[in-house]
Amino acid sequence: MSNNTHNWKPATTLVHAGALRSNFGEVSEAIHLTQGFVYDTAEQAEARFKGEEPGFIYSRYANPTNDVFEKRMCALEGAEDARATASGMAAIAAALLCDVRAGDHVVAARALFGSCRWIIETLMPRYGIEATLVDGRDLQAWEQAVRPNTKLFFLESPTNPTLEVVDIAAVARIANGIGARLVVDNVFATPLQQKPLELGAHVVVYSATKHIDGQGRCLGGVILSDKTWIEEKLQDYFRHTGPSLSPFNAWTLLKGLETLPLRVKQQTESAGKIADFLADHPKVSKVIYPGRKDHPQADIIARQMTGGSTLICFELKDKTAAFGLANALDIVLISNNLGDAKSLITHPATTTHKNLKPEARAELGIGEGTLRFSTGLEDSDDLIADFDQALSRI
C-alpha cells in the first residue's frame, strides 16, 4: 500500500497510514513479537550496525510493529519522525533529558502532571540542569525566565487537571528567539483537536495510554519531531536507555488509532453537555471546560484548538463533598486514568498531584473540592442522570 497520505483525512490516515504487510497479506497489522532479527550474512549484520544498510537489529532499537505505529502517528501529527516508548512518562523523560546536559537551563509551565513536575523540580537539578517554573499563561513570565543557558521550554496544554490553556504559538516564538526548543505534552487535546507542530512547537509527546489506546488496556507513549532532532538528539538516548514499547502494545495502540476519531468526537460532545449541566448546578461552584465560552482562555482556544476536550474540571465546596460525589456515582468509576471508553473521575489533590506542596496546588487552582472528570462513551443522558443523583446525595 502507498504511504502517500498527504490528501487523506485523519479518519483514513488512522486506519491505513504506514501499513506494512508480510507475504501472507494479512488485513490486520502483524505483531512482530521478537527480541532480535536474523541476518543473511555476517557482512549484512556489520552493515546494519554501521547504518550502511536499512533493516532491524534489535527490538529495543526498533521493531516492525512499532515502526507502523510510529509512521501512523507521524502521518496524523504532521511529523517527520517518531519514537514509541513504554509509557507516557518514558516519552516525557526521554524528550526532555536527551536534549539537555549539566549547566543547561529549562523553563517549564508550572501547571504540569505531578510526575512531570518531579522531573523538572527534582530529577534535573540532581544532574546539574537548572529549571524554572513559570505561569504558562503569562508570556512575560516566559521571557523574564530566559537565561543565557536556556535550552528548552516545556508545557502541557490544556493542563492537568485544571484545563488551563497556554498560547503555544506565542511561547514557540519566544523559544525560537533564543534558539531553544519547545516540547509540548498534547495528551489532553489529542492529535485530533490540536496540532502543536503547526503552531511552532518543535517536539510533541503523548501518553498513548490515554485516548490513543482509549480502552484501558495498555501503557504506551510516543515522541514526534523533525528527523534531524530524532536522529541527533533522541536516538542515542533511546537506544542506550531502553524505554522501548512492547510490540504487542504497539499493535494494541494501532487498533486504538483506528477508532480514535469516533471516540474523541463522541466523548467531546458528551463532555460539552455534562459541563453545561454541572455549570448550572447549585452545588457546583466552578466548571472549567475548553468548549465553553466562559473558559478563561477562550480566545486562545478558538485560535489553536479545533474542539473542546474530553476532560472537565469542576469544583465542589470541600473534600467531603468531592469524596461524597465520587462515592455516590453509579456509572462513573473512580480512577486516576483518563481518555478511557469508561467515564472516570479522580480527586487530584489526593492522587495525581498529591506530592505537590499545598501552596503549589493552591497556585495551580487545585483545591480540596477539585474533581477531574474524563468522559467515556456512555450515553450522555445517563451520565448526566448519574451526576444528578450523586449531587443530590451530598
Foldseek 3Di string as FASTA:
>chain_A
DDQPCPPPDLLVLLLDHLADDDPVPDNAHDQPQDFADDDPDPVRLVCVVVVNDDDTGGVLQPDSLQRSLFRSVCSLQVFATKAKFQAQVVQLCLVPVLFDAAPAEEEEELQAWQVSVCCQPPVQVVRRYHYHYDNQQDLVRLLVPDDLRYAEYEYEALGPPQRDGHLLLSSLVSCVVNNHAYEYEDAFQPSVWFRSVVSRHAKYKYFCCAQLLQANDHTMMMMGGYPVCCVPRRSVVSSPVRRHHRSVVSSSSSVSSSCSVVWFVLLQVLQVVLQVLLVPDPQWPDKAKQQDPPHPPVVSSVVGTPGIGSKIKTFGDALVLQVQLQVQFDQEHDDPGANHQGKYKYQCCVPRNVPDDPVSCVVVVRGRGMMMIGGHNDDSVVVNVRSVVSNVVD
